[in-house]
Amino acid sequence: MPFEIVSHTPVWVWGLLAYLVWMGWKARRPARVRLGRLALVPGLLAVMGVHELVRLFQPSVLHFAFWGMGLAIGIPAGMALIRRLRISVDADGMLCRPADHTALPLILATFALRYAFAAASVIWTGITANPWFAAADLVSGGFFVGIFAGKFLQYARAYAQQRE
């Protein structure tokens, strides 16, 4: 069964995984980056999260609340992960960030969890109607988006403070 699940996964999913792993791998080294570039991963994950919410569930205030609850928990967690890093801005307005060794493991954990929920929804048709499954999927999805959004917000905060 695992081979069947993997073989029926759309090719774009593996392309997305490759891109995310590449971004996580690059984050392991200090870099000069534009602030907007750091928004790519959280932005991509947020769009995909909302897309999956709408695709898999009957969108409702409760479903968005679950996703938002995960987001609200994840944002401060993400900010805390990089709060102590030395972030600077150079004369060209580039953000100089140190190595981030949390990015790749978080990307892999996010992908694995999202993949597992997606596979479960295909294997057990109708499971998305189960309120416990929906809550777990939505809260965990929002949480991981929140972690990456929180990290970005911490970078943006450091950038804004140094550009004043």
C-alpha atoms as a PDB file:
ATOM      1  CA  MET A   1       0.000   0.000   0.000  1.00  0.00           C
ATOM      2  CA  PRO A   2       2.766   2.577   0.734  1.00  0.00           C
ATOM      3  CA  PHE A   3       4.149   2.115  -2.792  1.00  0.00           C
ATOM      4  CA  GLU A   4       0.679   2.668  -4.232  1.00  0.00           C
ATOM      5  CA  ILE A   5       0.236   5.871  -2.241  1.00  0.00           C
ATOM      6  CA  VAL A   6       3.617   7.241  -3.307  1.00  0.00           C
ATOM      7  CA  SER A   7       3.159   6.212  -6.944  1.00  0.00           C
ATOM      8  CA  HIS A   8      -0.214   7.968  -7.157  1.00  0.00           C
ATOM      9  CA  THR A   9       1.127  11.189  -5.690  1.00  0.00           C
ATOM     10  CA  PRO A  10       1.083  13.949  -8.322  1.00  0.00           C
ATOM     11  CA  VAL A  11       4.509  14.860  -9.705  1.00  0.00           C
ATOM     12  CA  TRP A  12       4.104  18.491  -8.626  1.00  0.00           C
ATOM     13  CA  VAL A  13       4.062  17.349  -4.978  1.00  0.00           C
ATOM     14  CA  TRP A  14       7.545  15.866  -5.368  1.00  0.00           C
ATOM     15  CA  GLY A  15       8.676  19.034  -7.139  1.00  0.00           C
ATOM     16  CA  LEU A  16       7.347  21.082  -4.244  1.00  0.00           C
ATOM     17  CA  LEU A  17       9.129  18.829  -1.751  1.00  0.00           C
ATOM     18  CA  ALA A  18      12.385  19.212  -3.692  1.00  0.00           C
ATOM     19  CA  TYR A  19      12.017  23.012  -3.685  1.00  0.00           C
ATOM     20  CA  LEU A  20      11.232  23.126   0.031  1.00  0.00           C
ATOM     21  CA  VAL A  21      14.142  20.818   0.897  1.00  0.00           C
ATOM     22  CA  TRP A  22      16.439  23.003  -1.204  1.00  0.00           C
ATOM     23  CA  MET A  23      15.236  26.110   0.677  1.00  0.00           C
ATOM     24  CA  GLY A  24      15.719  24.337   4.022  1.00  0.00           C
ATOM     25  CA  TRP A  25      19.170  23.126   3.014  1.00  0.00           C
ATOM     26  CA  LYS A  26      20.207  26.637   1.964  1.00  0.00           C
ATOM     27  CA  ALA A  27      18.967  28.031   5.286  1.00  0.00           C
ATOM     28  CA  ARG A  28      21.647  25.970   7.048  1.00  0.00           C
ATOM     29  CA  ARG A  29      24.239  28.542   5.976  1.00  0.00           C
ATOM     30  CA  PRO A  30      24.394  32.245   6.804  1.00  0.00           C
ATOM     31  CA  ALA A  31      23.096  34.362   3.943  1.00  0.00           C
ATOM     32  CA  ARG A  32      22.271  37.813   2.685  1.00  0.00           C
ATOM     33  CA  VAL A  33      18.678  37.830   1.496  1.00  0.00           C
ATOM     34  CA  ARG A  34      15.909  40.238   0.672  1.00  0.00           C
ATOM     35  CA  LEU A  35      13.174  40.223   3.275  1.00  0.00           C
ATOM     36  CA  GLY A  36      10.577  39.336   0.632  1.00  0.00           C
ATOM     37  CA  ARG A  37      12.427  36.134  -0.226  1.00  0.00           C
ATOM     38  CA  LEU A  38      12.008  34.957   3.354  1.00  0.00           C
ATOM     39  CA  ALA A  39       8.242  35.276   2.873  1.00  0.00           C
ATOM     40  CA  LEU A  40       8.190  32.597   0.138  1.00  0.00           C
ATOM     41  CA  VAL A  41       7.977  29.489   2.317  1.00  0.00           C
ATOM     42  CA  PRO A  42       5.397  30.808   4.813  1.00  0.00           C
ATOM     43  CA  GLY A  43       3.392  32.338   1.972  1.00  0.00           C
ATOM     44  CA  LEU A  44       3.438  29.125  -0.025  1.00  0.00           C
ATOM     45  CA  LEU A  45       2.455  27.053   2.996  1.00  0.00           C
ATOM     46  CA  ALA A  46      -0.366  29.467   3.893  1.00  0.00           C
ATOM     47  CA  VAL A  47      -1.836  29.385   0.376  1.00  0.00           C
ATOM     48  CA  MET A  48      -1.607  25.606   0.293  1.00  0.00           C
ATOM     49  CA  GLY A  49      -3.144  25.341   3.769  1.00  0.00           C
ATOM     50  CA  VAL A  50      -6.158  27.454   2.882  1.00  0.00           C
ATOM     51  CA  HIS A  51      -6.482  25.627  -0.452  1.00  0.00           C
ATOM     52  CA  GLU A  52      -6.539  22.264   1.343  1.00  0.00           C
ATOM     53  CA  LEU A  53      -9.030  23.574   3.889  1.00  0.00           C
ATOM     54  CA  VAL A  54     -11.390  24.587   1.094  1.00  0.00           C
ATOM     55  CA  ARG A  55     -10.729  21.447  -0.979  1.00  0.00           C
ATOM     56  CA  LEU A  56     -11.065  18.819   1.754  1.00  0.00           C
ATOM     57  CA  PHE A  57     -13.566  20.331   4.148  1.00  0.00           C
ATOM     58  CA  GLN A  58     -16.843  22.139   3.922  1.00  0.00           C
ATOM     59  CA  PRO A  59     -15.375  25.574   4.694  1.00  0.00           C
ATOM     60  CA  SER A  60     -17.004  26.952   7.795  1.00  0.00           C
ATOM     61  CA  VAL A  61     -16.241  29.434  10.522  1.00  0.00           C
ATOM     62  CA  LEU A  62     -15.337  26.502  12.771  1.00  0.00           C
ATOM     63  CA  HIS A  63     -12.851  25.069  10.253  1.00  0.00           C
ATOM     64  CA  PHE A  64     -11.184  28.445   9.781  1.00  0.00           C
ATOM     65  CA  ALA A  65     -11.156  28.859  13.569  1.00  0.00           C
ATOM     66  CA  PHE A  66      -9.313  25.537  13.972  1.00  0.00           C
ATOM     67  CA  TRP A  67      -6.772  26.563  11.345  1.00  0.00           C
ATOM     68  CA  GLY A  68      -6.458  29.998  12.952  1.00  0.00           C
ATOM     69  CA  MET A  69      -5.969  28.419  16.386  1.00  0.00           C
ATOM     70  CA  GLY A  70      -3.011  26.450  15.048  1.00  0.00           C
ATOM     71  CA  LEU A  71      -1.676  29.599  13.405  1.00  0.00           C
ATOM     72  CA  ALA A  72      -2.009  31.547  16.662  1.00  0.00           C
ATOM     73  CA  ILE A  73      -0.014  28.898  18.528  1.00  0.00           C
ATOM     74  CA  GLY A  74       2.593  28.506  15.782  1.00  0.00           C
ATOM     75  CA  ILE A  75       3.443  32.190  15.283  1.00  0.00           C
ATOM     76  CA  PRO A  76       4.951  32.785  18.742  1.00  0.00           C
ATOM     77  CA  ALA A  77       6.677  29.387  18.542  1.00  0.00           C
ATOM     78  CA  GLY A  78       8.289  30.377  15.243  1.00  0.00           C
ATOM     79  CA  MET A  79       9.321  33.759  16.602  1.00  0.00           C
ATOM     80  CA  ALA A  80      10.895  32.086  19.632  1.00  0.00           C
ATOM     81  CA  LEU A  81      12.928  29.741  17.429  1.00  0.00           C
ATOM     82  CA  ILE A  82      14.963  32.589  15.966  1.00  0.00           C
ATOM     83  CA  ARG A  83      14.539  35.327  18.560  1.00  0.00           C
ATOM     84  CA  ARG A  84      18.126  34.978  19.779  1.00  0.00           C
ATOM     85  CA  LEU A  85      19.741  34.904  16.349  1.00  0.00           C
ATOM     86  CA  ARG A  86      21.893  37.868  15.375  1.00  0.00           C
ATOM     87  CA  ILE A  87      20.096  39.398  12.422  1.00  0.00           C
ATOM     88  CA  SER A  88      21.473  42.499  10.750  1.00  0.00           C
ATOM     89  CA  VAL A  89      20.745  44.645   7.721  1.00  0.00           C
ATOM     90  CA  ASP A  90      23.553  45.816   5.470  1.00  0.00           C
ATOM     91  CA  ALA A  91      23.860  49.131   3.616  1.00  0.00           C
ATOM     92  CA  ASP A  92      22.132  47.651   0.543  1.00  0.00           C
ATOM     93  CA  GLY A  93      19.044  46.796   2.596  1.00  0.00           C
ATOM     94  CA  MET A  94      19.828  43.103   2.520  1.00  0.00           C
ATOM     95  CA  LEU A  95      19.010  41.078   5.600  1.00  0.00           C
ATOM     96  CA  CYS A  96      22.033  39.203   6.920  1.00  0.00           C
ATOM     97  CA  ARG A  97      20.792  36.140   8.722  1.00  0.00           C
ATOM     98  CA  PRO A  98      22.839  33.478  10.453  1.00  0.00           C
ATOM     99  CA  ALA A  99      22.441  29.788   9.766  1.00  0.00           C
ATOM    100  CA  ASP A 100      18.982  28.480  10.629  1.00  0.00           C
ATOM    101  CA  HIS A 101      19.218  24.819  11.525  1.00  0.00           C
ATOM    102  CA  THR A 102      15.508  24.587  12.326  1.00  0.00           C
ATOM    103  CA  ALA A 103      14.262  25.223   8.776  1.00  0.00           C
ATOM    104  CA  LEU A 104      14.993  21.856   7.158  1.00  0.00           C
ATOM    105  CA  PRO A 105      13.650  19.658   9.990  1.00  0.00           C
ATOM    106  CA  LEU A 106      10.524  21.827  10.181  1.00  0.00           C
ATOM    107  CA  ILE A 107      10.020  21.643   6.429  1.00  0.00           C
ATOM    108  CA  LEU A 108      10.357  17.861   6.493  1.00  0.00           C
ATOM    109  CA  ALA A 109       8.007  17.533   9.474  1.00  0.00           C
ATOM    110  CA  THR A 110       5.461  19.827   7.819  1.00  0.00           C
ATOM    111  CA  PHE A 111       5.591  17.906   4.556  1.00  0.00           C
ATOM    112  CA  ALA A 112       5.346  14.518   6.275  1.00  0.00           C
ATOM    113  CA  LEU A 113       2.371  15.566   8.362  1.00  0.00           C
ATOM    114  CA  ARG A 114       0.545  17.229   5.462  1.00  0.00           C
ATOM    115  CA  TYR A 115       1.263  14.204   3.258  1.00  0.00           C
ATOM    116  CA  ALA A 116      -0.036  11.818   5.935  1.00  0.00           C
ATOM    117  CA  PHE A 117      -3.289  13.743   6.334  1.00  0.00           C
ATOM    118  CA  ALA A 118      -3.738  13.933   2.557  1.00  0.00           C
ATOM    119  CA  ALA A 119      -3.067  10.199   2.170  1.00  0.00           C
ATOM    120  CA  ALA A 120      -5.492   9.384   4.984  1.00  0.00           C
ATOM    121  CA  SER A 121      -8.197  11.441   3.289  1.00  0.00           C
ATOM    122  CA  VAL A 122      -7.712   9.433   0.089  1.00  0.00           C
ATOM    123  CA  ILE A 123      -7.459   6.007   1.741  1.00  0.00           C
ATOM    124  CA  TRP A 124     -10.398   6.472   4.086  1.00  0.00           C
ATOM    125  CA  THR A 125     -12.963   8.336   2.047  1.00  0.00           C
ATOM    126  CA  GLY A 126     -15.240  10.345   4.221  1.00  0.00           C
ATOM    127  CA  ILE A 127     -12.737  10.712   7.057  1.00  0.00           C
ATOM    128  CA  THR A 128     -12.662  14.468   6.482  1.00  0.00           C
ATOM    129  CA  ALA A 129     -16.237  14.533   7.830  1.00  0.00           C
ATOM    130  CA  ASN A 130     -14.959  13.213  11.158  1.00  0.00           C
ATOM    131  CA  PRO A 131     -14.694  16.271  13.445  1.00  0.00           C
ATOM    132  CA  TRP A 132     -11.618  14.919  15.269  1.00  0.00           C
ATOM    133  CA  PHE A 133      -9.766  14.299  12.009  1.00  0.00           C
ATOM    134  CA  ALA A 134     -10.764  17.732  10.719  1.00  0.00           C
ATOM    135  CA  ALA A 135      -9.649  19.443  13.936  1.00  0.00           C
ATOM    136  CA  ALA A 136      -6.307  17.606  14.019  1.00  0.00           C
ATOM    137  CA  ASP A 137      -5.635  18.295  10.348  1.00  0.00           C
ATOM    138  CA  LEU A 138      -6.573  21.962  10.511  1.00  0.00           C
ATOM    139  CA  VAL A 139      -4.913  22.825  13.828  1.00  0.00           C
ATOM    140  CA  SER A 140      -1.672  21.053  12.896  1.00  0.00           C
ATOM    141  CA  GLY A 141      -1.680  22.614   9.429  1.00  0.00           C
ATOM    142  CA  GLY A 142      -2.211  26.084  10.867  1.00  0.00           C
ATOM    143  CA  PHE A 143       0.453  25.435  13.492  1.00  0.00           C
ATOM    144  CA  PHE A 144       3.171  24.699  10.948  1.00  0.00           C
ATOM    145  CA  VAL A 145       2.182  27.671   8.799  1.00  0.00           C
ATOM    146  CA  GLY A 146       2.320  29.717  12.000  1.00  0.00           C
ATOM    147  CA  ILE A 147       5.838  28.559  12.819  1.00  0.00           C
ATOM    148  CA  PHE A 148       7.134  29.696   9.428  1.00  0.00           C
ATOM    149  CA  ALA A 149       5.082  32.902   9.589  1.00  0.00           C
ATOM    150  CA  GLY A 150       6.453  33.592  13.067  1.00  0.00           C
ATOM    151  CA  LYS A 151      10.004  33.143  11.871  1.00  0.00           C
ATOM    152  CA  PHE A 152       9.326  35.543   9.018  1.00  0.00           C
ATOM    153  CA  LEU A 153       7.735  38.078  11.384  1.00  0.00           C
ATOM    154  CA  GLN A 154      10.807  37.917  13.601  1.00  0.00           C
ATOM    155  CA  TYR A 155      13.028  38.603  10.583  1.00  0.00           C
ATOM    156  CA  ALA A 156      10.740  41.462   9.515  1.00  0.00           C
ATOM    157  CA  ARG A 157      10.804  42.895  13.030  1.00  0.00           C
ATOM    158  CA  ALA A 158      14.607  42.832  13.139  1.00  0.00           C
ATOM    159  CA  TYR A 159      14.721  44.360   9.663  1.00  0.00           C
ATOM    160  CA  ALA A 160      12.331  47.179  10.605  1.00  0.00           C
ATOM    161  CA  GLN A 161      14.180  47.952  13.839  1.00  0.00           C
ATOM    162  CA  GLN A 162      17.500  48.284  12.031  1.00  0.00           C
ATOM    163  CA  ARG A 163      16.146  50.319   9.137  1.00  0.00           C
ATOM    164  CA  GLU A 164      14.736  53.019  11.443  1.00  0.00           C
END
